[in-house]
Amino acid sequence: MADRHIDIYEPRLDGGGLTVAIRADEAEAEEEEGPENQALDVVQAKPNEFWRFMLRMGLGAVMHPYEYAKVLMQLGFEPMPAIISTNWLGRSTLFLPSANHYLRYIRHIDGVPGLYRGLFARVMGNTVYATFSESLVNLLGWKHLEMRAHPFRGYLSNMLRDALIVTTGLAISHPFYVIAVRQMAQFVGREVIYSSLKGSVEEILAQAGPLGLYVGFVPRLLSDLGVLFCTSTLTAICARFGLFNSRRGEYNSVLIQFGAVMLFYPLQVVGACMACSGSAVAAGAPPYMPVYGQWVDCLSDLVARGDHYRGAFMFRRALPKVQVQRSHDPFTVSRLM
């Protein structure tokens, strides 16, 4: 068996967030492989892709309650007070409730079915992303290039191709993201405005027109493209200088992906807030959230209040010191103590 090596990252969008899968090709093709064997491999790859997609959808549905809790955290909804506990260094610190506390709280009010608010819209968004994200590059005939023959040309072409895939998929699926966030945000004020997919579209169009379906699109797009650029560039550099080997390359790439996602995570929080801000739900208006005019204003406000990483950690959620120091802020600690 020939050695394997890393070629390039290929973007995937699973559950509202960007994940990166590694394409590891064989260094040398077997000479005895004929056209019949290659055709058989193509036929076998199609059902494998289908079952992998179904597995991702099933796993996303099972884990949806945690995504639900994460969205509420990103929106700044803290229904339970912070508690004093010790951190990893043994110091007393204020900790916010974990995702498990959120799930118990939601189940206590809405029952088990209430844990799956927004699931259908989220599944629809993931489905249209997976189905149509590559439609534009296929229409243009933009093929994936091997990096071994032309390293820099292959890196640049593949990254631009993947960026087009991300942009296309996000542009098609973002309206479903807006609907899902607002359906989940209805838990805060107990509204029923966005109960169905059809009714949600009609309400958004009546309130803000077609552009209302794309509020929060720019920060989410910048986040996904930023993650793609960082992961693709660092992977290409590491592969060029032999920093990845065939056995540990995938584990190293996971660390690169995690770092890139954390770097651009504040833009994901901004995307969730903008999808809800100024809408007909209580979670998008004071006292839960200021009404933002532009996503840049939202980002500046979140950074100033230390809220730009809320929801990034779902189980050990230490209250930022800036919030403790700003106890007069009506949107932060006054709702937590």
C-alpha atoms as a PDB file:
ATOM      1  CA  MET A   1       0.000   0.000   0.000  1.00  0.00           C
ATOM      2  CA  ALA A   2       1.396   3.349  -1.006  1.00  0.00           C
ATOM      3  CA  ASP A   3       1.853   6.090   1.544  1.00  0.00           C
ATOM      4  CA  ARG A   4      -0.968   8.588   2.017  1.00  0.00           C
ATOM      5  CA  HIS A   5      -0.589  12.318   2.331  1.00  0.00           C
ATOM      6  CA  ILE A   6      -2.746  15.378   2.775  1.00  0.00           C
ATOM      7  CA  ASP A   7      -3.933  17.178  -0.365  1.00  0.00           C
ATOM      8  CA  ILE A   8      -6.400  19.876   0.647  1.00  0.00           C
ATOM      9  CA  TYR A   9      -9.302  20.655   2.900  1.00  0.00           C
ATOM     10  CA  GLU A  10     -12.775  20.244   1.492  1.00  0.00           C
ATOM     11  CA  PRO A  11     -15.531  22.269   3.239  1.00  0.00           C
ATOM     12  CA  ARG A  12     -18.668  20.727   4.650  1.00  0.00           C
ATOM     13  CA  LEU A  13     -21.493  22.420   6.495  1.00  0.00           C
ATOM     14  CA  ASP A  14     -23.097  20.264   9.187  1.00  0.00           C
ATOM     15  CA  GLY A  15     -25.639  21.752  11.643  1.00  0.00           C
ATOM     16  CA  GLY A  16     -25.171  25.457  11.057  1.00  0.00           C
ATOM     17  CA  GLY A  17     -21.459  25.388  11.405  1.00  0.00           C
ATOM     18  CA  LEU A  18     -18.463  24.911   9.050  1.00  0.00           C
ATOM     19  CA  THR A  19     -16.527  21.682   9.399  1.00  0.00           C
ATOM     20  CA  VAL A  20     -13.603  20.647   7.270  1.00  0.00           C
ATOM     21  CA  ALA A  21     -13.042  17.174   5.901  1.00  0.00           C
ATOM     22  CA  ILE A  22      -9.657  15.995   4.665  1.00  0.00           C
ATOM     23  CA  ARG A  23      -9.179  14.647   1.200  1.00  0.00           C
ATOM     24  CA  ALA A  24      -6.407  12.095   1.414  1.00  0.00           C
ATOM     25  CA  ASP A  25      -5.555  10.594  -1.964  1.00  0.00           C
ATOM     26  CA  GLU A  26      -3.252   7.716  -2.779  1.00  0.00           C
ATOM     27  CA  ALA A  27       0.253   8.878  -3.681  1.00  0.00           C
ATOM     28  CA  GLU A  28       0.425   6.531  -6.672  1.00  0.00           C
ATOM     29  CA  ALA A  29      -2.455   4.782  -8.426  1.00  0.00           C
ATOM     30  CA  GLU A  30      -2.185   1.062  -8.984  1.00  0.00           C
ATOM     31  CA  GLU A  31      -1.151   0.447 -12.596  1.00  0.00           C
ATOM     32  CA  GLU A  32      -3.265  -2.668 -12.892  1.00  0.00           C
ATOM     33  CA  GLU A  33      -6.477  -0.726 -12.248  1.00  0.00           C
ATOM     34  CA  GLY A  34      -8.426  -0.688 -15.487  1.00  0.00           C
ATOM     35  CA  PRO A  35     -11.365   1.465 -16.616  1.00  0.00           C
ATOM     36  CA  GLU A  36     -13.810  -1.172 -15.364  1.00  0.00           C
ATOM     37  CA  ASN A  37     -12.478  -0.951 -11.810  1.00  0.00           C
ATOM     38  CA  GLN A  38     -12.534   2.858 -11.860  1.00  0.00           C
ATOM     39  CA  ALA A  39     -16.130   2.884 -13.065  1.00  0.00           C
ATOM     40  CA  LEU A  40     -17.055   0.451 -10.298  1.00  0.00           C
ATOM     41  CA  ASP A  41     -15.435   2.735  -7.718  1.00  0.00           C
ATOM     42  CA  VAL A  42     -17.524   5.673  -8.956  1.00  0.00           C
ATOM     43  CA  VAL A  43     -20.737   3.661  -8.735  1.00  0.00           C
ATOM     44  CA  GLN A  44     -19.872   2.497  -5.220  1.00  0.00           C
ATOM     45  CA  ALA A  45     -18.969   6.042  -4.091  1.00  0.00           C
ATOM     46  CA  LYS A  46     -22.461   7.419  -4.769  1.00  0.00           C
ATOM     47  CA  PRO A  47     -24.337   5.232  -2.244  1.00  0.00           C
ATOM     48  CA  ASN A  48     -21.526   5.793   0.244  1.00  0.00           C
ATOM     49  CA  GLU A  49     -22.031   9.571  -0.056  1.00  0.00           C
ATOM     50  CA  PHE A  50     -25.773   9.106   0.390  1.00  0.00           C
ATOM     51  CA  TRP A  51     -25.421   7.028   3.553  1.00  0.00           C
ATOM     52  CA  ARG A  52     -22.851   9.422   4.973  1.00  0.00           C
ATOM     53  CA  PHE A  53     -25.271  12.280   4.363  1.00  0.00           C
ATOM     54  CA  MET A  54     -28.083  10.354   6.057  1.00  0.00           C
ATOM     55  CA  LEU A  55     -25.807   9.567   8.976  1.00  0.00           C
ATOM     56  CA  ARG A  56     -24.952  13.261   9.370  1.00  0.00           C
ATOM     57  CA  MET A  57     -28.636  14.185   9.245  1.00  0.00           C
ATOM     58  CA  GLY A  58     -29.513  11.550  11.814  1.00  0.00           C
ATOM     59  CA  LEU A  59     -26.722  12.598  14.135  1.00  0.00           C
ATOM     60  CA  GLY A  60     -27.695  16.244  13.721  1.00  0.00           C
ATOM     61  CA  ALA A  61     -31.301  15.418  14.642  1.00  0.00           C
ATOM     62  CA  VAL A  62     -30.231  13.508  17.744  1.00  0.00           C
ATOM     63  CA  MET A  63     -27.929  16.328  18.868  1.00  0.00           C
ATOM     64  CA  HIS A  64     -30.396  19.096  17.980  1.00  0.00           C
ATOM     65  CA  PRO A  65     -31.326  19.849  21.616  1.00  0.00           C
ATOM     66  CA  TYR A  66     -27.713  20.862  22.272  1.00  0.00           C
ATOM     67  CA  GLU A  67     -27.756  23.078  19.180  1.00  0.00           C
ATOM     68  CA  TYR A  68     -30.992  24.561  20.539  1.00  0.00           C
ATOM     69  CA  ALA A  69     -29.309  25.332  23.869  1.00  0.00           C
ATOM     70  CA  LYS A  70     -26.302  26.803  22.045  1.00  0.00           C
ATOM     71  CA  VAL A  71     -28.526  29.191  20.061  1.00  0.00           C
ATOM     72  CA  LEU A  72     -30.182  30.396  23.266  1.00  0.00           C
ATOM     73  CA  MET A  73     -26.731  31.000  24.737  1.00  0.00           C
ATOM     74  CA  GLN A  74     -25.647  32.919  21.646  1.00  0.00           C
ATOM     75  CA  LEU A  75     -28.757  35.087  21.924  1.00  0.00           C
ATOM     76  CA  GLY A  76     -27.851  35.902  25.519  1.00  0.00           C
ATOM     77  CA  PHE A  77     -30.827  34.178  27.169  1.00  0.00           C
ATOM     78  CA  GLU A  78     -29.806  33.167  30.698  1.00  0.00           C
ATOM     79  CA  PRO A  79     -32.880  31.917  32.571  1.00  0.00           C
ATOM     80  CA  MET A  80     -30.895  30.597  35.529  1.00  0.00           C
ATOM     81  CA  PRO A  81     -28.511  32.471  37.841  1.00  0.00           C
ATOM     82  CA  ALA A  82     -24.761  32.078  37.795  1.00  0.00           C
ATOM     83  CA  ILE A  83     -23.262  29.973  40.573  1.00  0.00           C
ATOM     84  CA  ILE A  84     -19.948  30.126  42.394  1.00  0.00           C
ATOM     85  CA  SER A  85     -17.616  27.224  41.736  1.00  0.00           C
ATOM     86  CA  THR A  86     -13.896  26.554  41.386  1.00  0.00           C
ATOM     87  CA  ASN A  87     -12.023  26.674  38.110  1.00  0.00           C
ATOM     88  CA  TRP A  88      -9.162  24.455  36.955  1.00  0.00           C
ATOM     89  CA  LEU A  89      -6.733  26.441  39.123  1.00  0.00           C
ATOM     90  CA  GLY A  90      -8.836  26.033  42.253  1.00  0.00           C
ATOM     91  CA  ARG A  91     -10.002  29.657  42.315  1.00  0.00           C
ATOM     92  CA  SER A  92     -13.590  30.677  43.018  1.00  0.00           C
ATOM     93  CA  THR A  93     -15.310  31.753  39.790  1.00  0.00           C
ATOM     94  CA  LEU A  94     -18.841  32.528  38.669  1.00  0.00           C
ATOM     95  CA  PHE A  95     -20.102  29.887  36.246  1.00  0.00           C
ATOM     96  CA  LEU A  96     -23.150  30.102  34.001  1.00  0.00           C
ATOM     97  CA  PRO A  97     -25.484  27.099  33.636  1.00  0.00           C
ATOM     98  CA  SER A  98     -24.294  24.400  31.244  1.00  0.00           C
ATOM     99  CA  ALA A  99     -26.145  23.034  28.227  1.00  0.00           C
ATOM    100  CA  ASN A 100     -27.521  20.186  30.327  1.00  0.00           C
ATOM    101  CA  HIS A 101     -29.153  22.721  32.673  1.00  0.00           C
ATOM    102  CA  TYR A 102     -30.730  24.387  29.653  1.00  0.00           C
ATOM    103  CA  LEU A 103     -32.128  21.092  28.395  1.00  0.00           C
ATOM    104  CA  ARG A 104     -33.627  20.257  31.767  1.00  0.00           C
ATOM    105  CA  TYR A 105     -35.142  23.739  31.949  1.00  0.00           C
ATOM    106  CA  ILE A 106     -36.646  23.483  28.456  1.00  0.00           C
ATOM    107  CA  ARG A 107     -37.979  19.983  29.094  1.00  0.00           C
ATOM    108  CA  HIS A 108     -39.577  21.159  32.355  1.00  0.00           C
ATOM    109  CA  ILE A 109     -41.517  23.876  30.491  1.00  0.00           C
ATOM    110  CA  ASP A 110     -42.203  22.383  27.038  1.00  0.00           C
ATOM    111  CA  GLY A 111     -41.701  18.674  27.599  1.00  0.00           C
ATOM    112  CA  VAL A 112     -39.524  16.418  25.454  1.00  0.00           C
ATOM    113  CA  PRO A 113     -41.045  17.581  22.112  1.00  0.00           C
ATOM    114  CA  GLY A 114     -40.078  21.126  23.060  1.00  0.00           C
ATOM    115  CA  LEU A 115     -36.406  20.160  22.817  1.00  0.00           C
ATOM    116  CA  TYR A 116     -36.807  19.939  19.046  1.00  0.00           C
ATOM    117  CA  ARG A 117     -37.948  23.463  18.206  1.00  0.00           C
ATOM    118  CA  GLY A 118     -36.548  24.513  14.851  1.00  0.00           C
ATOM    119  CA  LEU A 119     -35.442  21.003  13.882  1.00  0.00           C
ATOM    120  CA  PHE A 120     -37.354  20.853  10.601  1.00  0.00           C
ATOM    121  CA  ALA A 121     -36.035  24.221   9.375  1.00  0.00           C
ATOM    122  CA  ARG A 122     -32.502  23.243  10.365  1.00  0.00           C
ATOM    123  CA  VAL A 123     -32.733  19.891   8.553  1.00  0.00           C
ATOM    124  CA  MET A 124     -34.109  21.630   5.468  1.00  0.00           C
ATOM    125  CA  GLY A 125     -31.220  24.090   5.537  1.00  0.00           C
ATOM    126  CA  ASN A 126     -28.648  21.322   5.796  1.00  0.00           C
ATOM    127  CA  THR A 127     -30.359  19.361   3.024  1.00  0.00           C
ATOM    128  CA  VAL A 128     -30.445  22.191   0.494  1.00  0.00           C
ATOM    129  CA  TYR A 129     -26.846  23.064   1.373  1.00  0.00           C
ATOM    130  CA  ALA A 130     -25.651  19.524   0.732  1.00  0.00           C
ATOM    131  CA  THR A 131     -27.741  19.216  -2.433  1.00  0.00           C
ATOM    132  CA  PHE A 132     -27.052  22.530  -4.179  1.00  0.00           C
ATOM    133  CA  SER A 133     -23.773  23.855  -2.750  1.00  0.00           C
ATOM    134  CA  GLU A 134     -21.728  22.378  -5.616  1.00  0.00           C
ATOM    135  CA  SER A 135     -24.252  23.176  -8.348  1.00  0.00           C
ATOM    136  CA  LEU A 136     -22.500  26.375  -9.443  1.00  0.00           C
ATOM    137  CA  VAL A 137     -18.985  24.906  -9.649  1.00  0.00           C
ATOM    138  CA  ASN A 138     -20.394  21.923 -11.551  1.00  0.00           C
ATOM    139  CA  LEU A 139     -22.155  24.300 -13.947  1.00  0.00           C
ATOM    140  CA  LEU A 140     -18.886  26.145 -14.499  1.00  0.00           C
ATOM    141  CA  GLY A 141     -16.984  22.872 -14.906  1.00  0.00           C
ATOM    142  CA  TRP A 142     -14.532  23.859 -12.165  1.00  0.00           C
ATOM    143  CA  LYS A 143     -12.687  20.680 -11.267  1.00  0.00           C
ATOM    144  CA  HIS A 144     -10.538  19.882  -8.260  1.00  0.00           C
ATOM    145  CA  LEU A 145      -6.820  20.130  -9.087  1.00  0.00           C
ATOM    146  CA  GLU A 146      -4.112  17.822  -7.817  1.00  0.00           C
ATOM    147  CA  MET A 147      -1.589  19.744  -5.716  1.00  0.00           C
ATOM    148  CA  ARG A 148       1.353  17.472  -6.449  1.00  0.00           C
ATOM    149  CA  ALA A 149       1.871  18.719 -10.021  1.00  0.00           C
ATOM    150  CA  HIS A 150       1.286  22.445  -9.323  1.00  0.00           C
ATOM    151  CA  PRO A 151       1.317  23.071  -5.529  1.00  0.00           C
ATOM    152  CA  PHE A 152       0.558  26.803  -5.439  1.00  0.00           C
ATOM    153  CA  ARG A 153      -1.766  26.781  -8.438  1.00  0.00           C
ATOM    154  CA  GLY A 154      -3.617  23.792  -7.029  1.00  0.00           C
ATOM    155  CA  TYR A 155      -3.879  25.379  -3.578  1.00  0.00           C
ATOM    156  CA  LEU A 156      -5.235  28.671  -4.950  1.00  0.00           C
ATOM    157  CA  SER A 157      -7.645  27.072  -7.408  1.00  0.00           C
ATOM    158  CA  ASN A 158      -9.006  24.581  -4.888  1.00  0.00           C
ATOM    159  CA  MET A 159      -9.427  27.211  -2.186  1.00  0.00           C
ATOM    160  CA  LEU A 160     -11.325  29.536  -4.536  1.00  0.00           C
ATOM    161  CA  ARG A 161     -13.437  26.610  -5.703  1.00  0.00           C
ATOM    162  CA  ASP A 162     -14.241  25.644  -2.101  1.00  0.00           C
ATOM    163  CA  ALA A 163     -15.016  29.284  -1.283  1.00  0.00           C
ATOM    164  CA  LEU A 164     -17.543  29.342  -4.128  1.00  0.00           C
ATOM    165  CA  ILE A 165     -19.084  26.129  -2.793  1.00  0.00           C
ATOM    166  CA  VAL A 166     -19.387  27.617   0.703  1.00  0.00           C
ATOM    167  CA  THR A 167     -20.868  30.860  -0.615  1.00  0.00           C
ATOM    168  CA  THR A 168     -23.394  29.065  -2.823  1.00  0.00           C
ATOM    169  CA  GLY A 169     -24.498  26.681  -0.092  1.00  0.00           C
ATOM    170  CA  LEU A 170     -24.793  29.406   2.519  1.00  0.00           C
ATOM    171  CA  ALA A 171     -26.741  31.711   0.179  1.00  0.00           C
ATOM    172  CA  ILE A 172     -29.281  28.963  -0.494  1.00  0.00           C
ATOM    173  CA  SER A 173     -29.586  27.680   3.082  1.00  0.00           C
ATOM    174  CA  HIS A 174     -29.418  30.918   5.111  1.00  0.00           C
ATOM    175  CA  PRO A 175     -33.182  31.666   5.034  1.00  0.00           C
ATOM    176  CA  PHE A 176     -33.766  28.338   6.774  1.00  0.00           C
ATOM    177  CA  TYR A 177     -31.170  29.326   9.383  1.00  0.00           C
ATOM    178  CA  VAL A 178     -33.028  32.594  10.087  1.00  0.00           C
ATOM    179  CA  ILE A 179     -36.296  30.717  10.491  1.00  0.00           C
ATOM    180  CA  ALA A 180     -34.729  28.077  12.756  1.00  0.00           C
ATOM    181  CA  VAL A 181     -33.131  30.706  15.022  1.00  0.00           C
ATOM    182  CA  ARG A 182     -36.390  32.616  15.376  1.00  0.00           C
ATOM    183  CA  GLN A 183     -38.350  29.455  16.071  1.00  0.00           C
ATOM    184  CA  MET A 184     -35.928  28.565  18.839  1.00  0.00           C
ATOM    185  CA  ALA A 185     -35.917  32.152  20.139  1.00  0.00           C
ATOM    186  CA  GLN A 186     -39.699  31.966  20.592  1.00  0.00           C
ATOM    187  CA  PHE A 187     -39.023  29.973  23.741  1.00  0.00           C
ATOM    188  CA  VAL A 188     -37.956  33.189  25.484  1.00  0.00           C
ATOM    189  CA  GLY A 189     -41.190  35.140  25.004  1.00  0.00           C
ATOM    190  CA  ARG A 190     -43.519  32.180  24.364  1.00  0.00           C
ATOM    191  CA  GLU A 191     -44.556  33.481  20.941  1.00  0.00           C
ATOM    192  CA  VAL A 192     -46.122  31.297  18.236  1.00  0.00           C
ATOM    193  CA  ILE A 193     -45.478  33.587  15.264  1.00  0.00           C
ATOM    194  CA  TYR A 194     -42.894  31.348  13.556  1.00  0.00           C
ATOM    195  CA  SER A 195     -44.578  28.015  14.168  1.00  0.00           C
ATOM    196  CA  SER A 196     -44.567  26.690  10.588  1.00  0.00           C
ATOM    197  CA  LEU A 197     -42.116  27.076   7.732  1.00  0.00           C
ATOM    198  CA  LYS A 198     -44.677  28.676   5.423  1.00  0.00           C
ATOM    199  CA  GLY A 199     -45.979  31.015   8.123  1.00  0.00           C
ATOM    200  CA  SER A 200     -42.426  32.019   9.044  1.00  0.00           C
ATOM    201  CA  VAL A 201     -41.596  32.987   5.456  1.00  0.00           C
ATOM    202  CA  GLU A 202     -44.806  35.002   5.156  1.00  0.00           C
ATOM    203  CA  GLU A 203     -44.141  36.810   8.451  1.00  0.00           C
ATOM    204  CA  ILE A 204     -40.553  37.697   7.518  1.00  0.00           C
ATOM    205  CA  LEU A 205     -41.546  38.903   4.036  1.00  0.00           C
ATOM    206  CA  ALA A 206     -44.365  41.012   5.486  1.00  0.00           C
ATOM    207  CA  GLN A 207     -42.102  42.529   8.134  1.00  0.00           C
ATOM    208  CA  ALA A 208     -38.822  43.135   6.280  1.00  0.00           C
ATOM    209  CA  GLY A 209     -39.249  42.008   2.683  1.00  0.00           C
ATOM    210  CA  PRO A 210     -36.943  39.536   0.888  1.00  0.00           C
ATOM    211  CA  LEU A 211     -33.853  40.959   2.590  1.00  0.00           C
ATOM    212  CA  GLY A 212     -35.311  39.870   5.910  1.00  0.00           C
ATOM    213  CA  LEU A 213     -34.483  36.291   4.953  1.00  0.00           C
ATOM    214  CA  TYR A 214     -30.787  37.238   4.787  1.00  0.00           C
ATOM    215  CA  VAL A 215     -30.226  39.138   8.020  1.00  0.00           C
ATOM    216  CA  GLY A 216     -26.993  37.892   9.566  1.00  0.00           C
ATOM    217  CA  PHE A 217     -25.768  36.429   6.283  1.00  0.00           C
ATOM    218  CA  VAL A 218     -22.592  38.531   5.959  1.00  0.00           C
ATOM    219  CA  PRO A 219     -21.018  37.642   9.352  1.00  0.00           C
ATOM    220  CA  ARG A 220     -21.753  33.944   8.844  1.00  0.00           C
ATOM    221  CA  LEU A 221     -20.231  34.057   5.357  1.00  0.00           C
ATOM    222  CA  LEU A 222     -17.118  35.853   6.628  1.00  0.00           C
ATOM    223  CA  SER A 223     -16.787  33.293   9.406  1.00  0.00           C
ATOM    224  CA  ASP A 224     -17.004  30.302   7.073  1.00  0.00           C
ATOM    225  CA  LEU A 225     -14.653  31.829   4.501  1.00  0.00           C
ATOM    226  CA  GLY A 226     -12.196  32.786   7.238  1.00  0.00           C
ATOM    227  CA  VAL A 227     -12.162  29.227   8.579  1.00  0.00           C
ATOM    228  CA  LEU A 228     -11.707  27.875   5.055  1.00  0.00           C
ATOM    229  CA  PHE A 229      -8.807  30.239   4.321  1.00  0.00           C
ATOM    230  CA  CYS A 230      -6.982  29.466   7.591  1.00  0.00           C
ATOM    231  CA  THR A 231      -7.382  25.712   7.380  1.00  0.00           C
ATOM    232  CA  SER A 232      -6.505  25.501   3.673  1.00  0.00           C
ATOM    233  CA  THR A 233      -3.474  27.772   4.006  1.00  0.00           C
ATOM    234  CA  LEU A 234      -2.027  26.161   7.121  1.00  0.00           C
ATOM    235  CA  THR A 235      -2.607  22.672   5.737  1.00  0.00           C
ATOM    236  CA  ALA A 236      -0.900  23.557   2.458  1.00  0.00           C
ATOM    237  CA  ILE A 237       2.080  25.030   4.336  1.00  0.00           C
ATOM    238  CA  CYS A 238       2.399  22.014   6.604  1.00  0.00           C
ATOM    239  CA  ALA A 239       2.113  19.618   3.662  1.00  0.00           C
ATOM    240  CA  ARG A 240       4.660  21.605   1.633  1.00  0.00           C
ATOM    241  CA  PHE A 241       7.296  21.505   4.368  1.00  0.00           C
ATOM    242  CA  GLY A 242       6.541  17.974   5.515  1.00  0.00           C
ATOM    243  CA  LEU A 243       5.057  18.905   8.888  1.00  0.00           C
ATOM    244  CA  PHE A 244       2.263  16.369   8.379  1.00  0.00           C
ATOM    245  CA  ASN A 245       2.941  12.675   8.144  1.00  0.00           C
ATOM    246  CA  SER A 246       0.580  10.024   6.868  1.00  0.00           C
ATOM    247  CA  ARG A 247      -0.494   8.817  10.313  1.00  0.00           C
ATOM    248  CA  ARG A 248      -0.877  11.990  12.333  1.00  0.00           C
ATOM    249  CA  GLY A 249      -1.968  14.370   9.599  1.00  0.00           C
ATOM    250  CA  GLU A 250      -5.679  14.021  10.269  1.00  0.00           C
ATOM    251  CA  TYR A 251      -5.247  14.651  14.001  1.00  0.00           C
ATOM    252  CA  ASN A 252      -3.144  17.747  13.345  1.00  0.00           C
ATOM    253  CA  SER A 253      -5.738  19.049  10.906  1.00  0.00           C
ATOM    254  CA  VAL A 254      -8.428  18.750  13.570  1.00  0.00           C
ATOM    255  CA  LEU A 255      -6.378  21.066  15.802  1.00  0.00           C
ATOM    256  CA  ILE A 256      -5.988  23.545  12.945  1.00  0.00           C
ATOM    257  CA  GLN A 257      -9.721  23.454  12.287  1.00  0.00           C
ATOM    258  CA  PHE A 258     -10.562  23.936  15.970  1.00  0.00           C
ATOM    259  CA  GLY A 259      -8.268  26.954  16.224  1.00  0.00           C
ATOM    260  CA  ALA A 260      -9.732  28.537  13.092  1.00  0.00           C
ATOM    261  CA  VAL A 261     -13.311  27.968  14.241  1.00  0.00           C
ATOM    262  CA  MET A 262     -12.572  29.545  17.625  1.00  0.00           C
ATOM    263  CA  LEU A 263     -10.873  32.509  15.957  1.00  0.00           C
ATOM    264  CA  PHE A 264     -13.944  33.343  13.877  1.00  0.00           C
ATOM    265  CA  TYR A 265     -16.571  32.162  16.374  1.00  0.00           C
ATOM    266  CA  PRO A 266     -17.651  35.729  17.358  1.00  0.00           C
ATOM    267  CA  LEU A 267     -18.997  36.174  13.827  1.00  0.00           C
ATOM    268  CA  GLN A 268     -21.225  33.144  14.369  1.00  0.00           C
ATOM    269  CA  VAL A 269     -22.633  34.788  17.505  1.00  0.00           C
ATOM    270  CA  VAL A 270     -23.225  37.978  15.518  1.00  0.00           C
ATOM    271  CA  GLY A 271     -25.024  35.980  12.813  1.00  0.00           C
ATOM    272  CA  ALA A 272     -27.383  34.439  15.375  1.00  0.00           C
ATOM    273  CA  CYS A 273     -28.066  37.787  17.061  1.00  0.00           C
ATOM    274  CA  MET A 274     -28.723  39.579  13.766  1.00  0.00           C
ATOM    275  CA  ALA A 275     -31.077  36.782  12.666  1.00  0.00           C
ATOM    276  CA  CYS A 276     -33.214  37.597  15.707  1.00  0.00           C
ATOM    277  CA  SER A 277     -32.598  41.304  16.428  1.00  0.00           C
ATOM    278  CA  GLY A 278     -35.528  43.568  15.695  1.00  0.00           C
ATOM    279  CA  SER A 279     -37.857  40.689  14.844  1.00  0.00           C
ATOM    280  CA  ALA A 280     -41.268  39.954  16.321  1.00  0.00           C
ATOM    281  CA  VAL A 281     -39.873  37.804  19.146  1.00  0.00           C
ATOM    282  CA  ALA A 282     -39.014  39.095  22.608  1.00  0.00           C
ATOM    283  CA  ALA A 283     -35.496  37.625  22.467  1.00  0.00           C
ATOM    284  CA  GLY A 284     -34.580  40.145  19.750  1.00  0.00           C
ATOM    285  CA  ALA A 285     -35.497  43.265  21.717  1.00  0.00           C
ATOM    286  CA  PRO A 286     -34.712  44.838  25.114  1.00  0.00           C
ATOM    287  CA  PRO A 287     -34.250  43.779  27.841  1.00  0.00           C
ATOM    288  CA  TYR A 288     -32.845  40.596  26.288  1.00  0.00           C
ATOM    289  CA  MET A 289     -30.984  42.187  23.392  1.00  0.00           C
ATOM    290  CA  PRO A 290     -30.399  45.674  21.969  1.00  0.00           C
ATOM    291  CA  VAL A 291     -31.840  46.309  18.523  1.00  0.00           C
ATOM    292  CA  TYR A 292     -28.859  46.507  16.159  1.00  0.00           C
ATOM    293  CA  GLY A 293     -28.876  48.406  12.893  1.00  0.00           C
ATOM    294  CA  GLN A 294     -25.784  46.765  11.356  1.00  0.00           C
ATOM    295  CA  TRP A 295     -23.866  43.602  12.127  1.00  0.00           C
ATOM    296  CA  VAL A 296     -20.729  45.668  12.822  1.00  0.00           C
ATOM    297  CA  ASP A 297     -22.597  47.454  15.624  1.00  0.00           C
ATOM    298  CA  CYS A 298     -23.590  44.077  17.031  1.00  0.00           C
ATOM    299  CA  LEU A 299     -20.007  42.817  16.976  1.00  0.00           C
ATOM    300  CA  SER A 300     -18.673  45.971  18.647  1.00  0.00           C
ATOM    301  CA  ASP A 301     -21.311  45.775  21.377  1.00  0.00           C
ATOM    302  CA  LEU A 302     -20.678  42.086  22.059  1.00  0.00           C
ATOM    303  CA  VAL A 303     -16.917  42.613  22.284  1.00  0.00           C
ATOM    304  CA  ALA A 304     -17.361  45.584  24.618  1.00  0.00           C
ATOM    305  CA  ARG A 305     -19.550  43.510  26.944  1.00  0.00           C
ATOM    306  CA  GLY A 306     -17.395  40.374  26.747  1.00  0.00           C
ATOM    307  CA  ASP A 307     -20.211  38.377  25.124  1.00  0.00           C
ATOM    308  CA  HIS A 308     -18.571  37.607  21.777  1.00  0.00           C
ATOM    309  CA  TYR A 309     -17.727  34.022  22.795  1.00  0.00           C
ATOM    310  CA  ARG A 310     -20.980  33.087  24.491  1.00  0.00           C
ATOM    311  CA  GLY A 311     -22.032  29.572  23.553  1.00  0.00           C
ATOM    312  CA  ALA A 312     -18.521  28.564  22.466  1.00  0.00           C
ATOM    313  CA  PHE A 313     -18.146  26.382  25.558  1.00  0.00           C
ATOM    314  CA  MET A 314     -21.328  24.615  26.557  1.00  0.00           C
ATOM    315  CA  PHE A 315     -20.367  22.851  29.761  1.00  0.00           C
ATOM    316  CA  ARG A 316     -17.768  24.959  31.665  1.00  0.00           C
ATOM    317  CA  ARG A 317     -19.087  28.478  31.091  1.00  0.00           C
ATOM    318  CA  ALA A 318     -17.118  30.897  33.220  1.00  0.00           C
ATOM    319  CA  LEU A 319     -18.669  34.355  33.477  1.00  0.00           C
ATOM    320  CA  PRO A 320     -16.315  36.876  31.798  1.00  0.00           C
ATOM    321  CA  LYS A 321     -14.713  39.290  34.255  1.00  0.00           C
ATOM    322  CA  VAL A 322     -15.785  42.264  32.160  1.00  0.00           C
ATOM    323  CA  GLN A 323     -19.415  41.386  32.885  1.00  0.00           C
ATOM    324  CA  VAL A 324     -18.794  41.188  36.620  1.00  0.00           C
ATOM    325  CA  GLN A 325     -17.139  44.600  36.498  1.00  0.00           C
ATOM    326  CA  ARG A 326     -20.054  46.041  34.499  1.00  0.00           C
ATOM    327  CA  SER A 327     -22.823  45.105  36.903  1.00  0.00           C
ATOM    328  CA  HIS A 328     -24.863  48.134  35.752  1.00  0.00           C
ATOM    329  CA  ASP A 329     -25.233  46.745  32.233  1.00  0.00           C
ATOM    330  CA  PRO A 330     -28.944  45.815  31.808  1.00  0.00           C
ATOM    331  CA  PHE A 331     -28.095  43.203  29.154  1.00  0.00           C
ATOM    332  CA  THR A 332     -25.542  41.161  31.097  1.00  0.00           C
ATOM    333  CA  VAL A 333     -25.007  40.456  34.734  1.00  0.00           C
ATOM    334  CA  SER A 334     -28.250  41.939  36.051  1.00  0.00           C
ATOM    335  CA  ARG A 335     -30.073  39.026  34.454  1.00  0.00           C
ATOM    336  CA  LEU A 336     -27.626  36.451  35.768  1.00  0.00           C
ATOM    337  CA  MET A 337     -27.291  37.184  39.495  1.00  0.00           C
END
